[in-house]
Amino acid sequence: MLANRITLIYVLLMTAVVVASNVLVQYPLSGELFGIALGDLLTYGAFTYPVAFLITDLTNRQFGPRVARRVVAAGFVVAVAFSFAVSMPRIAIASGSAFLAGQLLDIAVFNRLRRQSWWRAPLIASLIGSVLDTVIFFSFAFAPVFSIFGPNDDFAIAWAPILGIFQAEAPRWISWAMGDFSVKVLVGVVMLLPYGALMTKLKPMPSVEKVA
């Protein structure tokens, strides 16, 4: 059945993005921007991970929230399994929790806005989902209050100038979260280009049109 084959493609794409992001998150960026050492704030995984929101939104547009949740569930299983295999349990818990919560929120917001301007649903949904994803991941992974998930990273919780350039100080993981979210916003806007190009070809199924 065509719908099942297309859904499988979405699952495979989501799996590829999750695996790629988990690998690339181990490689910091090189160079500086406005005096900020990019390697202290970002990894290459920050640029690939937001593509997951594009895949979720395209699935949601074409097949509706139920199928989109199945694709996210597949990505969640891969994210947790891969994270536990290559990183500490606390990071794995943070990664899986953030992915699942952020993607499910994206699905809910997208579904409420799907009848509005073509760009509004994917952009707002991905941005709101990214906020939750960022808050959960960096809090669970580094905030001392969540040490129940694993030992604290002394370097991450040490206070330092925000983004490495401001006089005000905060725990380093706050700057990491700010840098990560900035990239998610940037990539979320860029992802409107492929979404707009594909939406004319990936039209909603009749059942989705009736429910929406």
N, C-alpha and C. Protein backbone atom coordinates (compact mmCIF):
# COMPACT_ATOMS: atom_id res chain seq x y z
N MET A 1 0.85 -1.20 0.00
CA MET A 1 0.00 0.00 0.00
C MET A 1 0.88 1.24 0.00
N LEU A 2 0.52 2.21 -0.85
CA LEU A 2 1.35 3.39 -1.03
C LEU A 2 1.54 4.16 0.28
N ALA A 3 0.48 4.33 1.05
CA ALA A 3 0.57 5.08 2.29
C ALA A 3 1.56 4.44 3.26
N ASN A 4 1.56 3.11 3.33
CA ASN A 4 2.49 2.42 4.21
C ASN A 4 3.93 2.59 3.76
N ARG A 5 4.15 2.58 2.44
CA ARG A 5 5.51 2.76 1.92
C ARG A 5 6.02 4.17 2.22
N ILE A 6 5.15 5.15 2.05
CA ILE A 6 5.55 6.54 2.33
C ILE A 6 5.83 6.72 3.82
N THR A 7 5.00 6.12 4.66
CA THR A 7 5.22 6.19 6.10
C THR A 7 6.55 5.56 6.47
N LEU A 8 6.89 4.44 5.84
CA LEU A 8 8.17 3.78 6.09
C LEU A 8 9.33 4.70 5.71
N ILE A 9 9.16 5.43 4.62
CA ILE A 9 10.20 6.38 4.21
C ILE A 9 10.40 7.45 5.28
N TYR A 10 9.29 7.95 5.83
CA TYR A 10 9.39 8.95 6.90
C TYR A 10 10.10 8.36 8.12
N VAL A 11 9.79 7.13 8.45
CA VAL A 11 10.44 6.47 9.59
C VAL A 11 11.94 6.35 9.35
N LEU A 12 12.31 5.93 8.15
CA LEU A 12 13.73 5.78 7.82
C LEU A 12 14.45 7.12 7.84
N LEU A 13 13.79 8.16 7.34
CA LEU A 13 14.38 9.50 7.36
C LEU A 13 14.57 9.98 8.79
N MET A 14 13.56 9.76 9.63
CA MET A 14 13.66 10.18 11.02
C MET A 14 14.80 9.42 11.71
N THR A 15 14.89 8.14 11.45
CA THR A 15 15.96 7.33 12.04
C THR A 15 17.33 7.86 11.61
N ALA A 16 17.46 8.19 10.32
CA ALA A 16 18.73 8.69 9.81
C ALA A 16 19.12 10.01 10.47
N VAL A 17 18.13 10.89 10.65
CA VAL A 17 18.40 12.18 11.27
C VAL A 17 18.82 12.01 12.73
N VAL A 18 18.13 11.14 13.45
CA VAL A 18 18.44 10.91 14.86
C VAL A 18 19.85 10.33 15.01
N VAL A 19 20.18 9.33 14.19
CA VAL A 19 21.51 8.72 14.27
C VAL A 19 22.59 9.73 13.90
N ALA A 20 22.37 10.46 12.81
CA ALA A 20 23.36 11.45 12.37
C ALA A 20 23.58 12.51 13.43
N SER A 21 22.51 12.97 14.06
CA SER A 21 22.61 14.01 15.08
C SER A 21 23.36 13.51 16.30
N ASN A 22 23.11 12.26 16.69
CA ASN A 22 23.80 11.69 17.84
C ASN A 22 25.30 11.51 17.57
N VAL A 23 25.66 11.28 16.32
CA VAL A 23 27.07 11.17 15.96
C VAL A 23 27.71 12.55 15.89
N LEU A 24 27.05 13.47 15.20
CA LEU A 24 27.62 14.80 14.97
C LEU A 24 27.67 15.65 16.22
N VAL A 25 26.86 15.31 17.23
CA VAL A 25 26.88 16.09 18.47
C VAL A 25 28.22 15.93 19.20
N GLN A 26 29.01 14.96 18.78
CA GLN A 26 30.31 14.74 19.40
C GLN A 26 31.40 15.63 18.80
N TYR A 27 31.06 16.40 17.76
CA TYR A 27 32.06 17.21 17.08
C TYR A 27 31.74 18.70 17.18
N PRO A 28 32.49 19.44 17.98
CA PRO A 28 32.26 20.88 18.13
C PRO A 28 32.61 21.64 16.86
N LEU A 29 31.96 22.79 16.67
CA LEU A 29 32.30 23.66 15.56
C LEU A 29 33.67 24.28 15.81
N SER A 30 34.33 24.68 14.75
CA SER A 30 35.61 25.37 14.87
C SER A 30 35.44 26.83 14.48
N GLY A 31 36.34 27.67 14.94
CA GLY A 31 36.31 29.08 14.58
C GLY A 31 35.58 29.94 15.59
N GLU A 32 35.49 31.23 15.26
CA GLU A 32 34.84 32.20 16.12
C GLU A 32 33.84 33.03 15.33
N LEU A 33 32.86 33.60 16.04
CA LEU A 33 31.88 34.48 15.44
C LEU A 33 31.59 35.60 16.44
N PHE A 34 31.92 36.83 16.05
CA PHE A 34 31.76 37.99 16.94
C PHE A 34 32.47 37.76 18.28
N GLY A 35 33.64 37.15 18.20
CA GLY A 35 34.42 36.93 19.40
C GLY A 35 34.00 35.73 20.21
N ILE A 36 32.97 35.00 19.75
CA ILE A 36 32.49 33.82 20.46
C ILE A 36 33.16 32.58 19.89
N ALA A 37 33.77 31.80 20.73
CA ALA A 37 34.36 30.54 20.29
C ALA A 37 33.23 29.54 20.05
N LEU A 38 32.95 29.24 18.79
CA LEU A 38 31.80 28.40 18.45
C LEU A 38 31.90 27.01 19.05
N GLY A 39 33.12 26.50 19.18
CA GLY A 39 33.29 25.17 19.74
C GLY A 39 32.86 25.06 21.18
N ASP A 40 32.79 26.21 21.88
CA ASP A 40 32.36 26.19 23.28
C ASP A 40 30.84 26.16 23.42
N LEU A 41 30.13 26.37 22.29
CA LEU A 41 28.67 26.49 22.36
C LEU A 41 27.93 25.48 21.50
N LEU A 42 28.53 25.09 20.37
CA LEU A 42 27.76 24.33 19.39
C LEU A 42 28.54 23.12 18.87
N THR A 43 27.77 22.12 18.47
CA THR A 43 28.31 20.99 17.73
C THR A 43 27.58 20.92 16.39
N TYR A 44 28.11 20.10 15.50
CA TYR A 44 27.46 19.97 14.19
C TYR A 44 26.08 19.33 14.31
N GLY A 45 25.85 18.61 15.38
CA GLY A 45 24.54 18.00 15.58
C GLY A 45 23.43 19.01 15.73
N ALA A 46 23.77 20.23 16.17
CA ALA A 46 22.75 21.26 16.34
C ALA A 46 22.13 21.66 15.01
N PHE A 47 22.84 21.40 13.91
CA PHE A 47 22.34 21.79 12.59
C PHE A 47 21.53 20.68 11.93
N THR A 48 21.75 19.44 12.32
CA THR A 48 21.01 18.34 11.71
C THR A 48 19.75 17.98 12.50
N TYR A 49 19.80 18.14 13.81
CA TYR A 49 18.67 17.72 14.64
C TYR A 49 17.36 18.41 14.27
N PRO A 50 17.33 19.73 13.98
CA PRO A 50 16.06 20.38 13.64
C PRO A 50 15.37 19.82 12.40
N VAL A 51 16.11 19.08 11.58
CA VAL A 51 15.48 18.46 10.40
C VAL A 51 14.40 17.47 10.84
N ALA A 52 14.52 16.95 12.06
CA ALA A 52 13.50 16.03 12.58
C ALA A 52 12.14 16.71 12.62
N PHE A 53 12.10 18.00 12.91
CA PHE A 53 10.83 18.72 12.94
C PHE A 53 10.23 18.81 11.54
N LEU A 54 11.08 18.98 10.53
CA LEU A 54 10.59 19.01 9.15
C LEU A 54 9.93 17.68 8.80
N ILE A 55 10.58 16.58 9.15
CA ILE A 55 10.03 15.26 8.85
C ILE A 55 8.70 15.05 9.58
N THR A 56 8.65 15.46 10.84
CA THR A 56 7.40 15.33 11.61
C THR A 56 6.29 16.15 10.99
N ASP A 57 6.60 17.38 10.58
CA ASP A 57 5.57 18.26 10.01
C ASP A 57 5.07 17.77 8.66
N LEU A 58 5.97 17.24 7.84
CA LEU A 58 5.54 16.70 6.55
C LEU A 58 4.66 15.47 6.75
N THR A 59 5.02 14.63 7.71
CA THR A 59 4.19 13.46 8.02
C THR A 59 2.82 13.90 8.52
N ASN A 60 2.81 14.87 9.41
CA ASN A 60 1.56 15.38 9.97
C ASN A 60 0.68 15.98 8.89
N ARG A 61 1.29 16.74 7.99
CA ARG A 61 0.52 17.36 6.91
C ARG A 61 -0.11 16.31 6.02
N GLN A 62 0.64 15.27 5.69
CA GLN A 62 0.16 14.29 4.72
C GLN A 62 -0.75 13.24 5.34
N PHE A 63 -0.43 12.79 6.55
CA PHE A 63 -1.15 11.66 7.12
C PHE A 63 -1.86 11.96 8.44
N GLY A 64 -1.62 13.15 9.00
CA GLY A 64 -2.29 13.50 10.25
C GLY A 64 -1.47 13.17 11.48
N PRO A 65 -1.94 13.61 12.65
CA PRO A 65 -1.16 13.46 13.88
C PRO A 65 -0.94 12.02 14.33
N ARG A 66 -1.88 11.12 14.06
CA ARG A 66 -1.71 9.74 14.52
C ARG A 66 -0.49 9.09 13.89
N VAL A 67 -0.35 9.21 12.58
CA VAL A 67 0.81 8.63 11.89
C VAL A 67 2.08 9.37 12.28
N ALA A 68 1.98 10.69 12.45
CA ALA A 68 3.15 11.47 12.85
C ALA A 68 3.68 10.99 14.20
N ARG A 69 2.78 10.66 15.11
CA ARG A 69 3.22 10.15 16.42
C ARG A 69 3.93 8.80 16.28
N ARG A 70 3.50 7.98 15.33
CA ARG A 70 4.17 6.70 15.11
C ARG A 70 5.59 6.91 14.61
N VAL A 71 5.76 7.87 13.70
CA VAL A 71 7.10 8.18 13.19
C VAL A 71 7.99 8.69 14.32
N VAL A 72 7.43 9.55 15.17
CA VAL A 72 8.18 10.08 16.31
C VAL A 72 8.54 8.95 17.27
N ALA A 73 7.60 8.02 17.49
CA ALA A 73 7.88 6.89 18.38
C ALA A 73 9.06 6.07 17.88
N ALA A 74 9.12 5.86 16.57
CA ALA A 74 10.25 5.13 16.00
C ALA A 74 11.55 5.89 16.23
N GLY A 75 11.50 7.21 16.02
CA GLY A 75 12.68 8.03 16.26
C GLY A 75 13.09 8.02 17.72
N PHE A 76 12.11 7.99 18.61
CA PHE A 76 12.38 7.96 20.04
C PHE A 76 13.12 6.69 20.44
N VAL A 77 12.67 5.56 19.92
CA VAL A 77 13.32 4.27 20.23
C VAL A 77 14.78 4.31 19.79
N VAL A 78 15.01 4.81 18.58
CA VAL A 78 16.37 4.89 18.06
C VAL A 78 17.21 5.85 18.91
N ALA A 79 16.62 7.00 19.25
CA ALA A 79 17.34 8.01 20.02
C ALA A 79 17.78 7.45 21.36
N VAL A 80 16.88 6.77 22.05
CA VAL A 80 17.21 6.22 23.37
C VAL A 80 18.26 5.11 23.24
N ALA A 81 18.03 4.19 22.31
CA ALA A 81 18.96 3.07 22.16
C ALA A 81 20.35 3.55 21.79
N PHE A 82 20.43 4.47 20.84
CA PHE A 82 21.72 4.96 20.39
C PHE A 82 22.41 5.77 21.48
N SER A 83 21.64 6.59 22.18
CA SER A 83 22.22 7.43 23.23
C SER A 83 22.78 6.60 24.36
N PHE A 84 22.05 5.56 24.77
CA PHE A 84 22.55 4.70 25.85
C PHE A 84 23.81 3.94 25.41
N ALA A 85 23.92 3.72 24.09
CA ALA A 85 25.07 2.97 23.59
C ALA A 85 26.33 3.82 23.53
N VAL A 86 26.18 5.14 23.29
CA VAL A 86 27.36 5.97 23.05
C VAL A 86 27.59 7.04 24.10
N SER A 87 26.68 7.20 25.04
CA SER A 87 26.84 8.28 26.02
C SER A 87 26.42 7.82 27.41
N MET A 88 26.58 8.72 28.37
CA MET A 88 26.21 8.41 29.75
C MET A 88 24.69 8.30 29.88
N PRO A 89 24.21 7.52 30.86
CA PRO A 89 22.76 7.36 31.04
C PRO A 89 22.02 8.69 31.21
N ARG A 90 22.63 9.65 31.90
CA ARG A 90 21.94 10.93 32.11
C ARG A 90 21.72 11.65 30.79
N ILE A 91 22.72 11.63 29.92
CA ILE A 91 22.58 12.27 28.60
C ILE A 91 21.53 11.53 27.77
N ALA A 92 21.52 10.20 27.87
CA ALA A 92 20.55 9.41 27.12
C ALA A 92 19.13 9.72 27.57
N ILE A 93 18.94 9.82 28.87
CA ILE A 93 17.61 10.16 29.41
C ILE A 93 17.19 11.54 28.94
N ALA A 94 18.13 12.49 29.01
CA ALA A 94 17.82 13.85 28.59
C ALA A 94 17.49 13.92 27.10
N SER A 95 18.27 13.20 26.30
CA SER A 95 18.08 13.20 24.86
C SER A 95 16.73 12.60 24.47
N GLY A 96 16.42 11.43 25.01
CA GLY A 96 15.16 10.78 24.69
C GLY A 96 13.95 11.56 25.16
N SER A 97 14.01 12.09 26.38
CA SER A 97 12.89 12.86 26.93
C SER A 97 12.64 14.12 26.13
N ALA A 98 13.73 14.82 25.78
CA ALA A 98 13.60 16.07 25.03
C ALA A 98 13.04 15.81 23.63
N PHE A 99 13.55 14.77 22.99
CA PHE A 99 13.07 14.44 21.64
C PHE A 99 11.58 14.13 21.65
N LEU A 100 11.16 13.26 22.56
CA LEU A 100 9.75 12.84 22.59
C LEU A 100 8.83 14.01 22.92
N ALA A 101 9.16 14.79 23.95
CA ALA A 101 8.31 15.90 24.35
C ALA A 101 8.25 16.97 23.28
N GLY A 102 9.40 17.33 22.73
CA GLY A 102 9.44 18.38 21.71
C GLY A 102 8.68 18.01 20.46
N GLN A 103 8.84 16.76 20.00
CA GLN A 103 8.17 16.33 18.78
C GLN A 103 6.66 16.21 18.97
N LEU A 104 6.23 15.69 20.12
CA LEU A 104 4.79 15.56 20.36
C LEU A 104 4.13 16.94 20.47
N LEU A 105 4.83 17.89 21.07
CA LEU A 105 4.28 19.25 21.14
C LEU A 105 4.21 19.85 19.75
N ASP A 106 5.22 19.61 18.94
CA ASP A 106 5.22 20.08 17.55
C ASP A 106 4.00 19.55 16.81
N ILE A 107 3.70 18.27 16.99
CA ILE A 107 2.55 17.66 16.32
C ILE A 107 1.25 18.33 16.75
N ALA A 108 1.10 18.56 18.05
CA ALA A 108 -0.14 19.16 18.56
C ALA A 108 -0.33 20.58 18.05
N VAL A 109 0.74 21.38 18.07
CA VAL A 109 0.65 22.77 17.61
C VAL A 109 0.39 22.81 16.11
N PHE A 110 1.12 22.00 15.35
CA PHE A 110 0.93 21.96 13.90
C PHE A 110 -0.50 21.63 13.54
N ASN A 111 -1.06 20.65 14.25
CA ASN A 111 -2.42 20.22 13.93
C ASN A 111 -3.45 21.32 14.17
N ARG A 112 -3.21 22.16 15.16
CA ARG A 112 -4.14 23.26 15.45
C ARG A 112 -4.02 24.38 14.43
N LEU A 113 -2.85 24.50 13.80
CA LEU A 113 -2.60 25.61 12.88
C LEU A 113 -2.62 25.20 11.41
N ARG A 114 -2.91 23.94 11.12
CA ARG A 114 -2.76 23.45 9.75
C ARG A 114 -3.64 24.17 8.74
N ARG A 115 -4.73 24.78 9.18
CA ARG A 115 -5.63 25.47 8.26
C ARG A 115 -5.22 26.92 8.01
N GLN A 116 -4.22 27.40 8.70
CA GLN A 116 -3.79 28.79 8.53
C GLN A 116 -2.76 28.89 7.42
N SER A 117 -2.10 30.05 7.29
CA SER A 117 -1.11 30.25 6.23
C SER A 117 -0.13 29.09 6.19
N TRP A 118 0.32 28.72 4.99
CA TRP A 118 1.11 27.51 4.80
C TRP A 118 2.36 27.46 5.68
N TRP A 119 2.95 28.63 5.96
CA TRP A 119 4.20 28.66 6.71
C TRP A 119 3.98 28.70 8.22
N ARG A 120 2.79 29.07 8.64
CA ARG A 120 2.56 29.32 10.07
C ARG A 120 2.65 28.02 10.89
N ALA A 121 2.02 26.97 10.42
CA ALA A 121 2.01 25.72 11.19
C ALA A 121 3.41 25.14 11.36
N PRO A 122 4.19 24.95 10.27
CA PRO A 122 5.52 24.36 10.47
C PRO A 122 6.47 25.26 11.25
N LEU A 123 6.40 26.57 11.03
CA LEU A 123 7.33 27.46 11.72
C LEU A 123 7.03 27.56 13.21
N ILE A 124 5.79 27.87 13.55
CA ILE A 124 5.43 28.04 14.96
C ILE A 124 5.55 26.72 15.71
N ALA A 125 5.11 25.64 15.08
CA ALA A 125 5.18 24.33 15.74
C ALA A 125 6.63 23.94 16.04
N SER A 126 7.51 24.13 15.06
CA SER A 126 8.91 23.75 15.28
C SER A 126 9.58 24.64 16.31
N LEU A 127 9.24 25.93 16.32
CA LEU A 127 9.86 26.83 17.29
C LEU A 127 9.40 26.50 18.71
N ILE A 128 8.10 26.28 18.88
CA ILE A 128 7.60 25.94 20.22
C ILE A 128 8.13 24.58 20.65
N GLY A 129 8.16 23.63 19.73
CA GLY A 129 8.72 22.32 20.06
C GLY A 129 10.20 22.41 20.42
N SER A 130 10.92 23.31 19.73
CA SER A 130 12.35 23.48 20.01
C SER A 130 12.58 24.09 21.38
N VAL A 131 11.70 24.99 21.79
CA VAL A 131 11.83 25.57 23.13
C VAL A 131 11.76 24.47 24.18
N LEU A 132 10.74 23.63 24.08
CA LEU A 132 10.57 22.55 25.06
C LEU A 132 11.73 21.56 24.98
N ASP A 133 12.12 21.22 23.76
CA ASP A 133 13.22 20.28 23.57
C ASP A 133 14.50 20.80 24.23
N THR A 134 14.81 22.07 24.01
CA THR A 134 16.03 22.66 24.56
C THR A 134 16.00 22.71 26.08
N VAL A 135 14.86 23.16 26.63
CA VAL A 135 14.74 23.27 28.08
C VAL A 135 14.89 21.91 28.74
N ILE A 136 14.21 20.91 28.20
CA ILE A 136 14.26 19.58 28.81
C ILE A 136 15.66 18.97 28.70
N PHE A 137 16.25 19.03 27.50
CA PHE A 137 17.54 18.38 27.33
C PHE A 137 18.61 18.99 28.25
N PHE A 138 18.79 20.29 28.18
CA PHE A 138 19.89 20.90 28.93
C PHE A 138 19.62 20.89 30.44
N SER A 139 18.36 20.96 30.82
CA SER A 139 18.04 20.87 32.25
C SER A 139 18.30 19.47 32.77
N PHE A 140 17.76 18.47 32.09
CA PHE A 140 17.94 17.09 32.52
C PHE A 140 19.42 16.69 32.49
N ALA A 141 20.14 17.17 31.47
CA ALA A 141 21.52 16.75 31.27
C ALA A 141 22.50 17.41 32.23
N PHE A 142 22.22 18.68 32.61
CA PHE A 142 23.24 19.42 33.33
C PHE A 142 22.79 20.13 34.61
N ALA A 143 21.53 20.49 34.74
CA ALA A 143 21.09 21.23 35.92
C ALA A 143 21.26 20.38 37.18
N PRO A 144 21.89 20.91 38.23
CA PRO A 144 22.11 20.14 39.46
C PRO A 144 20.83 19.57 40.05
N VAL A 145 19.69 20.25 39.86
CA VAL A 145 18.45 19.77 40.44
C VAL A 145 18.05 18.41 39.87
N PHE A 146 18.57 18.06 38.70
CA PHE A 146 18.24 16.77 38.08
C PHE A 146 19.37 15.77 38.23
N SER A 147 20.17 15.92 39.26
CA SER A 147 21.28 15.00 39.48
C SER A 147 20.79 13.59 39.80
N ILE A 148 19.48 13.44 40.01
CA ILE A 148 18.91 12.10 40.22
C ILE A 148 19.16 11.21 38.99
N PHE A 149 19.34 11.86 37.81
CA PHE A 149 19.58 11.10 36.58
C PHE A 149 21.04 10.70 36.41
N GLY A 150 21.91 11.30 37.20
CA GLY A 150 23.34 10.99 37.08
C GLY A 150 24.18 12.09 37.69
N PRO A 151 25.48 11.86 37.82
CA PRO A 151 26.36 12.86 38.44
C PRO A 151 26.42 14.16 37.64
N ASN A 152 26.66 15.25 38.36
CA ASN A 152 26.78 16.55 37.72
C ASN A 152 28.11 16.66 36.97
N ASP A 153 28.09 17.44 35.90
CA ASP A 153 29.30 17.75 35.14
C ASP A 153 29.84 19.06 35.70
N ASP A 154 30.98 19.00 36.41
CA ASP A 154 31.51 20.19 37.08
C ASP A 154 31.79 21.33 36.10
N PHE A 155 32.28 20.98 34.91
CA PHE A 155 32.57 22.01 33.91
C PHE A 155 31.28 22.67 33.43
N ALA A 156 30.22 21.89 33.26
CA ALA A 156 28.96 22.41 32.75
C ALA A 156 28.28 23.34 33.75
N ILE A 157 28.40 23.03 35.03
CA ILE A 157 27.68 23.83 36.03
C ILE A 157 28.53 24.97 36.59
N ALA A 158 29.81 25.03 36.18
CA ALA A 158 30.66 26.13 36.64
C ALA A 158 30.19 27.44 36.00
N TRP A 159 30.26 28.53 36.76
CA TRP A 159 29.82 29.82 36.25
C TRP A 159 30.87 30.42 35.35
N ALA A 160 30.39 31.05 34.27
CA ALA A 160 31.28 31.68 33.29
C ALA A 160 30.50 32.78 32.58
N PRO A 161 31.19 33.73 31.92
CA PRO A 161 30.49 34.78 31.18
C PRO A 161 29.50 34.19 30.18
N ILE A 162 28.28 34.71 30.13
CA ILE A 162 27.25 34.20 29.22
C ILE A 162 27.73 34.30 27.78
N LEU A 163 27.67 33.21 27.07
CA LEU A 163 28.13 33.08 25.70
C LEU A 163 29.62 33.37 25.55
N GLY A 164 30.30 33.50 26.69
CA GLY A 164 31.74 33.74 26.67
C GLY A 164 32.14 35.16 26.38
N ILE A 165 31.17 36.08 26.26
CA ILE A 165 31.51 37.45 25.89
C ILE A 165 30.87 38.50 26.79
N PHE A 166 29.80 38.15 27.51
CA PHE A 166 29.11 39.14 28.34
C PHE A 166 29.70 39.17 29.76
N GLN A 167 29.51 40.31 30.43
CA GLN A 167 30.00 40.43 31.80
C GLN A 167 29.18 39.56 32.76
N ALA A 168 27.88 39.50 32.51
CA ALA A 168 27.02 38.68 33.37
C ALA A 168 27.42 37.22 33.24
N GLU A 169 27.34 36.49 34.34
CA GLU A 169 27.73 35.09 34.35
C GLU A 169 26.56 34.18 34.64
N ALA A 170 26.69 32.95 34.21
CA ALA A 170 25.69 31.90 34.45
C ALA A 170 26.40 30.57 34.28
N PRO A 171 25.80 29.49 34.76
CA PRO A 171 26.41 28.18 34.51
C PRO A 171 26.62 27.96 33.01
N ARG A 172 27.70 27.31 32.64
CA ARG A 172 28.04 27.16 31.22
C ARG A 172 26.92 26.50 30.41
N TRP A 173 26.17 25.60 31.05
CA TRP A 173 25.15 24.90 30.29
C TRP A 173 24.04 25.84 29.83
N ILE A 174 23.89 26.96 30.51
CA ILE A 174 22.91 27.96 30.06
C ILE A 174 23.34 28.55 28.72
N SER A 175 24.63 28.87 28.60
CA SER A 175 25.14 29.39 27.33
C SER A 175 25.03 28.34 26.23
N TRP A 176 25.30 27.09 26.59
CA TRP A 176 25.15 26.02 25.60
C TRP A 176 23.71 25.93 25.10
N ALA A 177 22.77 26.06 26.01
CA ALA A 177 21.35 26.00 25.63
C ALA A 177 20.98 27.17 24.73
N MET A 178 21.48 28.36 25.06
CA MET A 178 21.18 29.54 24.26
C MET A 178 21.73 29.40 22.84
N GLY A 179 22.96 28.91 22.74
CA GLY A 179 23.55 28.72 21.42
C GLY A 179 22.80 27.67 20.62
N ASP A 180 22.44 26.57 21.28
CA ASP A 180 21.72 25.49 20.61
C ASP A 180 20.36 25.96 20.11
N PHE A 181 19.64 26.71 20.95
CA PHE A 181 18.31 27.17 20.54
C PHE A 181 18.41 28.18 19.39
N SER A 182 19.44 29.01 19.41
CA SER A 182 19.61 29.98 18.31
C SER A 182 19.75 29.27 16.98
N VAL A 183 20.49 28.17 16.98
CA VAL A 183 20.66 27.41 15.74
C VAL A 183 19.35 26.76 15.34
N LYS A 184 18.60 26.25 16.31
CA LYS A 184 17.31 25.64 16.00
C LYS A 184 16.36 26.64 15.35
N VAL A 185 16.37 27.87 15.84
CA VAL A 185 15.53 28.90 15.24
C VAL A 185 15.96 29.17 13.80
N LEU A 186 17.27 29.30 13.60
CA LEU A 186 17.79 29.56 12.26
C LEU A 186 17.45 28.44 11.30
N VAL A 187 17.69 27.21 11.72
CA VAL A 187 17.41 26.06 10.85
C VAL A 187 15.91 25.90 10.64
N GLY A 188 15.12 26.21 11.68
CA GLY A 188 13.67 26.13 11.55
C GLY A 188 13.14 27.05 10.46
N VAL A 189 13.71 28.24 10.36
CA VAL A 189 13.32 29.18 9.30
C VAL A 189 13.76 28.66 7.94
N VAL A 190 14.99 28.15 7.87
CA VAL A 190 15.51 27.63 6.60
C VAL A 190 14.69 26.43 6.13
N MET A 191 14.21 25.61 7.06
CA MET A 191 13.43 24.43 6.70
C MET A 191 12.09 24.76 6.05
N LEU A 192 11.69 26.03 6.10
CA LEU A 192 10.47 26.43 5.40
C LEU A 192 10.64 26.29 3.89
N LEU A 193 11.88 26.39 3.42
CA LEU A 193 12.13 26.28 1.98
C LEU A 193 11.81 24.88 1.46
N PRO A 194 12.39 23.83 2.03
CA PRO A 194 12.01 22.49 1.54
C PRO A 194 10.56 22.14 1.85
N TYR A 195 10.03 22.64 2.98
CA TYR A 195 8.63 22.37 3.30
C TYR A 195 7.73 22.98 2.23
N GLY A 196 7.98 24.24 1.87
CA GLY A 196 7.17 24.89 0.85
C GLY A 196 7.29 24.22 -0.50
N ALA A 197 8.49 23.72 -0.82
CA ALA A 197 8.69 23.06 -2.10
C ALA A 197 8.00 21.71 -2.16
N LEU A 198 7.92 21.01 -1.02
CA LEU A 198 7.35 19.67 -1.00
C LEU A 198 5.85 19.64 -0.75
N MET A 199 5.30 20.72 -0.19
CA MET A 199 3.89 20.67 0.20
C MET A 199 2.95 20.55 -0.99
N THR A 200 3.39 20.99 -2.17
CA THR A 200 2.53 20.86 -3.35
C THR A 200 2.48 19.43 -3.86
N LYS A 201 3.52 18.64 -3.52
CA LYS A 201 3.57 17.25 -3.97
C LYS A 201 3.06 16.30 -2.90
N LEU A 202 3.27 16.64 -1.65
CA LEU A 202 2.84 15.78 -0.55
C LEU A 202 1.54 16.33 0.03
N LYS A 203 0.48 16.11 -0.69
CA LYS A 203 -0.82 16.65 -0.30
C LYS A 203 -1.46 15.80 0.79
N PRO A 204 -2.27 16.42 1.65
CA PRO A 204 -2.93 15.67 2.73
C PRO A 204 -3.85 14.58 2.18
N MET A 205 -3.88 13.45 2.87
CA MET A 205 -4.79 12.39 2.50
C MET A 205 -6.23 12.85 2.74
N PRO A 206 -7.20 12.30 1.98
CA PRO A 206 -8.59 12.72 2.14
C PRO A 206 -9.09 12.63 3.58
N SER A 207 -8.70 11.61 4.31
CA SER A 207 -9.14 11.45 5.69
C SER A 207 -8.62 12.58 6.57
N VAL A 208 -7.41 13.06 6.26
CA VAL A 208 -6.84 14.17 7.04
C VAL A 208 -7.58 15.44 6.73
N GLU A 209 -7.92 15.68 5.48
CA GLU A 209 -8.65 16.87 5.07
C GLU A 209 -10.00 16.95 5.78
N LYS A 210 -10.67 15.81 5.93
CA LYS A 210 -11.99 15.83 6.56
C LYS A 210 -11.91 16.14 8.04
N VAL A 211 -10.88 15.60 8.72
CA VAL A 211 -10.77 15.80 10.16
C VAL A 211 -10.27 17.19 10.48
N ALA A 212 -9.33 17.71 9.65
CA ALA A 212 -8.70 19.01 9.92
C ALA A 212 -9.70 20.15 9.87
